[in-house]
Protein backbone atom coordinates (compact mmCIF):
# COMPACT_ATOMS: atom_id res chain seq x y z
CA MET A 1 22.69 -36.66 28.78
CA ILE A 2 19.74 -35.67 26.30
CA ALA A 3 19.70 -38.23 23.46
CA CYS A 4 16.71 -36.67 21.38
CA SER A 5 17.73 -34.20 18.94
CA THR A 6 15.76 -31.02 18.39
CA VAL A 7 14.63 -32.45 15.03
CA GLU A 8 13.65 -35.73 16.83
CA ILE A 9 11.80 -33.87 19.26
CA MET A 10 9.80 -31.88 16.83
CA THR A 11 9.10 -34.95 14.73
CA GLY A 12 8.07 -37.78 17.04
CA CYS A 13 10.66 -38.42 19.76
CA LEU A 14 8.69 -36.12 22.01
CA ASP A 15 5.45 -38.20 21.71
CA ASP A 16 7.56 -41.25 22.34
CA CYS A 17 8.98 -39.54 25.44
CA LEU A 18 5.40 -38.83 26.80
CA GLN A 19 4.86 -42.51 26.27
CA HIS A 20 7.93 -43.37 28.42
CA SER A 21 9.53 -45.03 25.48
CA CYS A 22 12.10 -42.40 24.04
CA PRO A 23 15.33 -44.21 24.43
CA ASN A 24 17.95 -43.21 26.68
CA GLN A 25 15.86 -40.69 28.51
CA ARG A 26 14.80 -39.98 32.09
CA ASN A 27 11.06 -40.91 31.72
CA THR A 28 9.71 -38.24 34.05
CA LEU A 29 6.89 -35.89 33.67
CA PRO A 30 9.11 -32.95 34.50
CA PHE A 31 11.58 -33.84 31.58
CA CYS A 32 8.80 -34.40 29.07
CA ALA A 33 7.23 -30.85 30.03
CA THR A 34 10.59 -29.35 29.57
CA MET A 35 10.93 -31.07 26.05
CA LYS A 36 7.35 -29.56 25.05
CA VAL A 37 8.70 -26.15 26.10
CA ILE A 38 11.90 -26.51 23.86
CA ALA A 39 9.96 -27.79 21.19
CA SER A 40 7.37 -24.94 21.35
CA LEU A 41 10.23 -22.31 21.21
CA VAL A 42 12.11 -23.95 18.33
CA ALA A 43 8.68 -24.05 16.26
CA VAL A 44 8.25 -20.25 17.14
CA ALA A 45 11.67 -19.48 16.02
CA ALA A 46 11.36 -21.40 12.90
CA ALA A 47 8.27 -19.41 11.83
CA SER A 48 8.61 -16.08 9.93
CA GLU A 49 8.15 -12.91 11.72
CA PHE A 50 4.87 -12.17 9.88
CA GLU A 51 3.61 -15.65 10.54
CA GLN A 52 3.81 -14.77 14.36
CA ILE A 53 2.30 -11.45 13.74
CA ALA A 54 -0.63 -12.77 11.87
CA HIS A 55 -1.28 -15.28 14.28
CA GLU A 56 -1.33 -12.74 17.16
CA ALA A 57 -3.64 -10.47 14.93
CA ASN A 58 -6.17 -13.21 14.42
CA LEU A 59 -6.34 -13.78 18.08
CA LYS A 60 -7.28 -10.23 18.62
CA ALA A 61 -9.07 -9.23 15.41
CA THR A 62 -12.90 -9.38 15.18
CA THR A 63 -13.46 -7.64 11.71
CA TRP A 64 -10.72 -8.80 9.61
CA THR A 65 -8.36 -11.65 8.90
CA ALA A 66 -4.58 -11.73 8.82
CA GLU A 67 -2.40 -14.03 6.77
CA ALA A 68 1.55 -13.85 6.22
CA PRO A 69 2.27 -12.03 3.13
CA THR A 70 4.10 -13.58 0.27
CA ARG A 71 5.58 -10.02 -0.74
CA PHE A 72 7.41 -9.66 2.83
CA SER A 73 9.05 -11.92 5.13
CA ALA A 74 10.08 -9.45 7.81
CA VAL A 75 9.00 -6.07 9.28
CA ASP A 76 12.20 -4.20 7.71
CA ASP A 77 11.02 -5.41 4.20
CA VAL A 78 7.89 -3.06 4.78
CA LYS A 79 9.68 -0.01 6.30
CA GLN A 80 11.45 0.94 3.03
CA LEU A 81 8.31 1.36 1.23
CA LEU A 82 6.68 3.70 3.74
CA GLY A 83 7.62 7.14 2.25
CA ALA A 84 4.67 9.22 3.19
CA ILE A 85 5.07 12.26 5.45
CA LEU A 86 1.99 12.41 7.61
CA PRO A 87 0.34 15.53 9.02
CA GLY A 88 2.15 16.98 11.98
CA GLU A 89 5.51 15.37 11.00
CA PRO A 90 8.49 17.48 10.30
CA ASN A 91 8.66 18.56 6.42
CA PHE A 92 4.83 17.87 6.05
CA LYS A 93 3.14 20.28 3.43
CA GLY A 94 -0.45 20.39 3.38
CA LEU A 95 -2.98 21.60 0.97
CA PRO A 96 -5.72 24.24 1.48
CA GLU A 97 -8.44 22.42 3.24
CA GLN A 98 -11.76 22.48 1.10
CA THR A 99 -14.70 23.08 3.46
CA VAL A 100 -17.76 23.93 1.18
CA PHE A 101 -19.78 21.03 -0.14
CA HIS A 102 -23.10 20.52 -1.66
CA ASP A 103 -25.76 19.22 0.69
CA PHE A 104 -26.81 16.05 -0.85
CA GLN A 105 -27.49 12.44 0.23
CA VAL A 106 -24.67 10.20 -0.75
CA PRO A 107 -25.41 6.45 -1.62
CA THR A 108 -24.91 3.88 1.26
CA SER A 109 -22.11 2.39 -0.66
CA PHE A 110 -19.95 3.29 -3.52
CA ASP A 111 -17.16 1.99 -5.78
CA ALA A 112 -15.44 4.19 -8.14
CA ALA A 113 -14.18 1.56 -10.40
CA GLU A 114 -17.82 0.39 -10.80
CA ASN A 115 -19.42 3.85 -11.07
CA TRP A 116 -16.97 4.92 -13.76
CA PRO A 117 -16.14 1.46 -15.68
CA GLN A 118 -14.54 3.38 -18.62
CA CYS A 119 -11.77 4.26 -16.30
CA THR A 120 -9.73 1.09 -16.00
CA ASN A 121 -6.99 2.73 -14.24
CA ILE A 122 -9.14 3.16 -11.24
CA ALA A 123 -9.06 -0.55 -10.64
CA ASN A 124 -5.40 -0.79 -11.89
CA VAL A 125 -2.98 -1.80 -9.10
CA ARG A 126 0.46 -0.48 -9.46
CA ASP A 127 3.83 -1.51 -7.81
CA GLN A 128 6.19 0.95 -6.28
CA SER A 129 8.88 -1.72 -5.97
CA ALA A 130 11.61 -1.47 -3.26
CA CYS A 131 11.16 2.30 -3.00
CA GLY A 132 9.45 4.65 -0.61
CA SER A 133 7.39 6.41 -3.29
CA CYS A 134 3.95 5.60 -2.11
CA TRP A 135 3.30 9.22 -2.03
CA ALA A 136 4.04 9.78 -5.61
CA PHE A 137 1.78 6.57 -6.59
CA GLY A 138 -1.13 7.89 -4.25
CA SER A 139 -0.84 11.34 -5.93
CA VAL A 140 -0.85 9.96 -9.46
CA SER A 141 -3.18 7.38 -9.10
CA SER A 142 -6.14 9.91 -7.67
CA PHE A 143 -4.92 12.39 -10.63
CA GLU A 144 -5.14 9.79 -13.40
CA SER A 145 -8.43 8.47 -11.93
CA ARG A 146 -10.04 12.08 -11.79
CA ALA A 147 -8.64 12.98 -15.17
CA CYS A 148 -10.70 10.06 -16.72
CA VAL A 149 -13.68 10.91 -14.72
CA ALA A 150 -13.51 14.40 -15.86
CA THR A 151 -12.57 13.90 -19.63
CA GLY A 152 -13.59 10.25 -20.56
CA LYS A 153 -9.85 9.53 -21.54
CA ASP A 154 -8.50 6.35 -19.68
CA VAL A 155 -4.82 7.32 -19.61
CA LYS A 156 -2.09 6.36 -17.08
CA TYR A 157 0.11 9.25 -15.89
CA SER A 158 3.67 9.07 -14.52
CA PRO A 159 4.94 8.23 -10.98
CA GLU A 160 8.32 8.15 -12.35
CA GLN A 161 8.22 11.89 -13.14
CA THR A 162 6.17 12.47 -9.90
CA ALA A 163 8.82 10.69 -7.67
CA SER A 164 11.90 11.96 -9.22
CA CYS A 165 11.08 15.58 -10.11
CA PHE A 166 8.70 16.59 -7.19
CA THR A 167 10.45 15.36 -4.26
CA MET A 168 12.04 17.64 -1.67
CA PHE A 169 14.78 15.18 -0.54
CA GLY A 170 16.41 14.55 -4.02
CA ASP A 171 15.43 10.97 -3.94
CA GLY A 172 11.85 10.02 -4.43
CA CYS A 173 12.34 6.78 -2.68
CA GLY A 174 13.13 8.96 0.47
CA GLY A 175 9.63 10.12 1.06
CA GLY A 176 7.00 12.92 0.35
CA PHE A 177 3.51 13.83 0.49
CA ASN A 178 0.41 14.66 -1.61
CA VAL A 179 1.77 16.81 -4.73
CA TRP A 180 -1.35 17.88 -6.39
CA SER A 181 -0.12 21.48 -5.98
CA ASP A 182 3.06 20.35 -8.20
CA PHE A 183 0.50 18.85 -10.90
CA GLU A 184 -1.36 22.36 -10.74
CA SER A 185 1.99 24.45 -11.48
CA GLU A 186 4.19 21.89 -13.31
CA GLY A 187 1.82 19.35 -14.93
CA VAL A 188 2.55 15.54 -15.18
CA VAL A 189 3.16 13.57 -18.14
CA THR A 190 1.79 10.07 -19.10
CA GLY A 191 3.60 7.27 -17.80
CA GLY A 192 2.82 3.53 -17.68
CA ASP A 193 3.90 0.66 -15.37
CA PHE A 194 7.31 -1.08 -15.63
CA TYR A 195 6.03 -3.83 -17.77
CA ASP A 196 4.02 -1.67 -20.21
CA GLU A 197 5.16 -1.44 -23.82
CA ALA A 198 8.03 1.12 -24.38
CA GLY A 199 6.88 4.25 -26.36
CA THR A 200 3.34 4.04 -25.49
CA THR A 201 3.36 6.63 -22.76
CA CYS A 202 5.95 9.56 -21.93
CA ALA A 203 7.69 8.22 -18.98
CA ARG A 204 7.14 4.74 -17.61
CA TYR A 205 8.14 3.66 -13.99
CA THR A 206 11.79 2.53 -14.31
CA LEU A 207 11.92 0.36 -11.09
CA GLN A 208 11.13 -3.21 -11.74
CA PRO A 209 8.62 -4.87 -9.31
CA CYS A 210 10.44 -7.46 -7.36
CA ALA A 211 9.99 -10.22 -4.76
CA HIS A 212 10.73 -9.02 -1.22
CA HIS A 213 12.74 -12.03 0.18
CA VAL A 214 10.36 -14.66 -1.02
CA PRO A 215 10.91 -17.05 -3.93
CA ALA A 216 11.57 -14.91 -7.11
CA ASP A 217 10.18 -15.55 -10.57
CA GLU A 218 10.39 -14.13 -14.08
CA LYS A 219 8.06 -11.19 -13.33
CA TYR A 220 9.25 -10.61 -9.69
CA PRO A 221 13.00 -11.16 -9.35
CA ALA A 222 14.59 -10.61 -6.12
CA CYS A 223 14.55 -7.19 -4.72
CA PRO A 224 17.90 -5.52 -4.39
CA SER A 225 19.64 -5.77 -0.88
CA GLY A 226 18.91 -2.02 -0.15
CA GLU A 227 16.24 0.41 -1.08
CA TYR A 228 16.19 1.63 -4.76
CA THR A 229 16.79 5.23 -5.45
CA GLU A 230 14.68 7.55 -7.71
CA SER A 231 16.53 10.65 -8.55
CA ASP A 232 16.90 11.20 -12.29
CA CYS A 233 14.04 13.53 -13.23
CA PRO A 234 13.16 13.04 -16.96
CA SER A 235 12.93 16.16 -19.08
CA SER A 236 12.10 14.20 -22.50
CA CYS A 237 9.79 11.38 -23.51
CA GLU A 238 10.86 7.67 -24.22
CA SER A 239 11.90 7.04 -27.57
CA GLY A 240 9.18 6.29 -29.95
CA TYR A 241 6.55 8.27 -28.13
CA GLY A 242 4.91 10.84 -30.52
CA LYS A 243 4.89 13.90 -28.24
CA SER A 244 7.22 16.49 -26.74
CA PHE A 245 7.63 16.36 -22.87
CA SER A 246 5.82 19.77 -22.53
CA ALA A 247 3.07 18.80 -25.00
CA ASP A 248 2.37 15.82 -22.92
CA LYS A 249 1.56 17.33 -19.82
CA LEU A 250 -1.77 17.47 -18.22
CA TYR A 251 -2.50 20.08 -15.32
CA ALA A 252 -4.54 20.29 -12.37
CA ALA A 253 -6.83 23.25 -12.28
CA SER A 254 -7.01 23.22 -8.35
CA SER A 255 -5.58 21.20 -5.37
CA TYR A 256 -7.14 20.94 -1.82
CA SER A 257 -7.50 18.71 1.15
CA ILE A 258 -10.81 17.08 2.41
CA ARG A 259 -11.15 16.02 6.17
CA GLY A 260 -13.73 13.88 7.82
CA GLU A 261 -16.13 11.15 6.85
CA THR A 262 -19.08 12.95 5.31
CA ASN A 263 -16.76 15.44 3.31
CA MET A 264 -14.84 12.57 1.96
CA MET A 265 -17.60 10.58 1.04
CA GLN A 266 -19.31 13.67 -0.74
CA GLU A 267 -15.95 14.34 -2.57
CA LEU A 268 -15.38 10.78 -3.77
CA VAL A 269 -18.92 10.50 -5.17
CA THR A 270 -18.82 13.90 -6.83
CA ASN A 271 -15.15 14.07 -8.21
CA GLY A 272 -13.48 10.52 -7.73
CA PRO A 273 -10.67 8.99 -6.07
CA MET A 274 -8.32 10.60 -3.54
CA TYR A 275 -4.89 10.56 -2.10
CA VAL A 276 -5.04 9.32 1.44
CA SER A 277 -2.41 8.48 4.01
CA PHE A 278 -2.13 6.61 7.32
CA THR A 279 -0.02 5.05 9.99
CA VAL A 280 1.11 1.70 9.30
CA TYR A 281 1.47 -0.83 12.06
CA ASP A 282 3.00 -3.95 11.92
CA ASP A 283 0.06 -6.08 11.58
CA PHE A 284 -1.13 -4.12 8.60
CA PRO A 285 1.20 -6.08 6.19
CA THR A 286 -0.67 -9.29 7.04
CA TYR A 287 -4.11 -8.03 5.93
CA LYS A 288 -6.13 -10.45 3.87
CA SER A 289 -9.65 -9.53 4.14
CA GLY A 290 -12.36 -7.94 6.14
CA VAL A 291 -12.37 -4.50 7.65
CA TYR A 292 -9.07 -3.66 9.13
CA LYS A 293 -8.83 -2.17 12.51
CA ALA A 294 -5.23 -2.14 14.09
CA THR A 295 -4.51 -4.66 16.65
CA SER A 296 -0.91 -3.51 17.31
CA SER A 297 0.74 -0.49 18.76
CA SER A 298 4.11 -1.03 16.85
CA ALA A 299 4.07 1.64 14.32
CA LEU A 300 6.27 1.31 11.16
CA GLY A 301 5.88 4.53 9.43
CA GLY A 302 3.55 6.49 7.05
CA HIS A 303 1.94 5.16 3.78
CA ALA A 304 -0.05 6.93 0.97
CA VAL A 305 -2.64 5.08 -0.86
CA THR A 306 -5.72 5.76 -3.03
CA LEU A 307 -9.40 5.93 -1.63
CA VAL A 308 -11.69 4.38 -4.15
CA GLY A 309 -14.86 3.57 -2.29
CA TYR A 310 -16.69 2.91 0.99
CA GLY A 311 -19.64 0.81 2.19
CA GLU A 312 -20.63 -1.80 5.17
CA LEU A 313 -19.56 -5.38 5.70
CA ASN A 314 -20.95 -7.35 8.53
CA GLY A 315 -22.13 -4.15 10.09
CA GLU A 316 -18.68 -2.60 9.99
CA LYS A 317 -18.47 0.60 8.03
CA TYR A 318 -15.25 0.64 5.83
CA TRP A 319 -13.44 2.66 3.25
CA LYS A 320 -12.13 0.65 0.23
CA ILE A 321 -8.38 1.59 -0.54
CA LYS A 322 -6.23 0.59 -3.39
CA ASN A 323 -2.55 -0.05 -2.50
CA SER A 324 0.68 0.14 -4.62
CA TRP A 325 2.07 -3.26 -3.50
CA ASN A 326 0.98 -5.15 -6.70
CA GLU A 327 -2.11 -7.09 -6.90
CA ASN A 328 -0.82 -10.08 -4.80
CA TRP A 329 -0.87 -8.40 -1.73
CA GLY A 330 -4.11 -8.10 0.44
CA ASP A 331 -7.32 -8.67 -1.28
CA ASN A 332 -6.18 -8.21 -5.00
CA GLY A 333 -4.18 -5.21 -4.24
CA HIS A 334 -6.93 -3.66 -2.22
CA PHE A 335 -7.85 -3.38 1.34
CA LEU A 336 -10.94 -2.07 3.64
CA ILE A 337 -10.32 -0.15 6.53
CA ALA A 338 -12.56 1.04 9.37
CA ARG A 339 -14.60 4.36 8.35
CA GLY A 340 -15.97 6.97 10.82
CA ASN A 341 -13.37 6.87 13.47
CA ASN A 342 -10.32 8.12 11.76
CA GLU A 343 -8.68 4.68 12.03
CA CYS A 344 -4.85 5.07 11.91
CA GLY A 345 -5.41 8.70 10.54
CA ILE A 346 -7.06 7.71 7.33
CA GLU A 347 -9.55 10.55 7.65
CA GLY A 348 -7.08 13.17 8.72
CA ASN A 349 -5.92 14.51 5.31
CA ALA A 350 -7.41 13.31 2.37
CA GLY A 351 -6.36 15.32 -0.90
CA ALA A 352 -6.85 15.91 -4.64
CA GLY A 353 -8.26 18.50 -6.85
CA THR A 354 -9.75 19.28 -10.13
CA ILE A 355 -8.34 18.84 -13.79
CA ALA A 356 -7.72 21.51 -16.28
CA LYS A 357 -9.53 20.18 -19.21
CA ALA A 358 -8.51 22.66 -21.77
CA THR A 359 -4.92 20.95 -21.65
CA VAL A 360 -6.28 17.25 -21.76
CA VAL A 361 -3.96 15.33 -24.11
């Protein structure tokens, strides 16, 4: 009979065994080797799914560092946030490709938040909560950034209206793509984050940021057991806001897509941040620092984010990307991803447009 319990094996009895002093055991090397294997398997099972993924990524990655995220404990927690329909997938709707660019030399590095410091919304990291509305956040984040660059007005615009009114599935948490064309035809109202003061914008985001199966606190309560829904398209502004819904709208003057490293760099420097999307692999949620290159082949889905800069780190070219998983994820809510080789599809279909300045609120 094996007298050492699993806990005892992991907390000291195994060492005793190896010293031939574990009580009531057959003190043989084969037996102790078996105990080592059992202890190893128990330890692996006790570790979280992402601790294992991060460990494996750190063994493979040469340009970035992985760490088990506090926002997620399992891969399924991430999948519900990946609502971007990627080029080539069913229902994808692309924008006309912009192919004419000025021939000028871009700087070797660029950070939109530093270049336009008056536009605090460029650096503001939002939280899509337990909803696959990343496509709405990528669209709005690029729009509000460019609106500030074009007009000098540092205003937040509404992922709430975007997710609930411009979805093709009836539920904004069910997925979508770049909707700058809707901003061009329908306009978008102002809209802050969940914790912003009521009545300061027209349509705040209504889904509360939440803790994804990690210890909850006052700011981040436990997430719902299933995904949120986002289906109530607003038609009026919040109580106390001083404008009508229609008067609050800002419109895009044009919408287009941009592909390829050089074109994207020129567009970013000229007009500001852009919507980008890419394939998420199961190692990506463990990103902590460095220049991300996928080490896994296990794809989870498509994700939309905001391109805000580029540069080079330790000889590795990168894009600087703002995510919408709050500031506690990654590097203060941002990540760097390899530039110039279409890593995970990041250079395949960037998009944005210009702002109709005559309608600025």
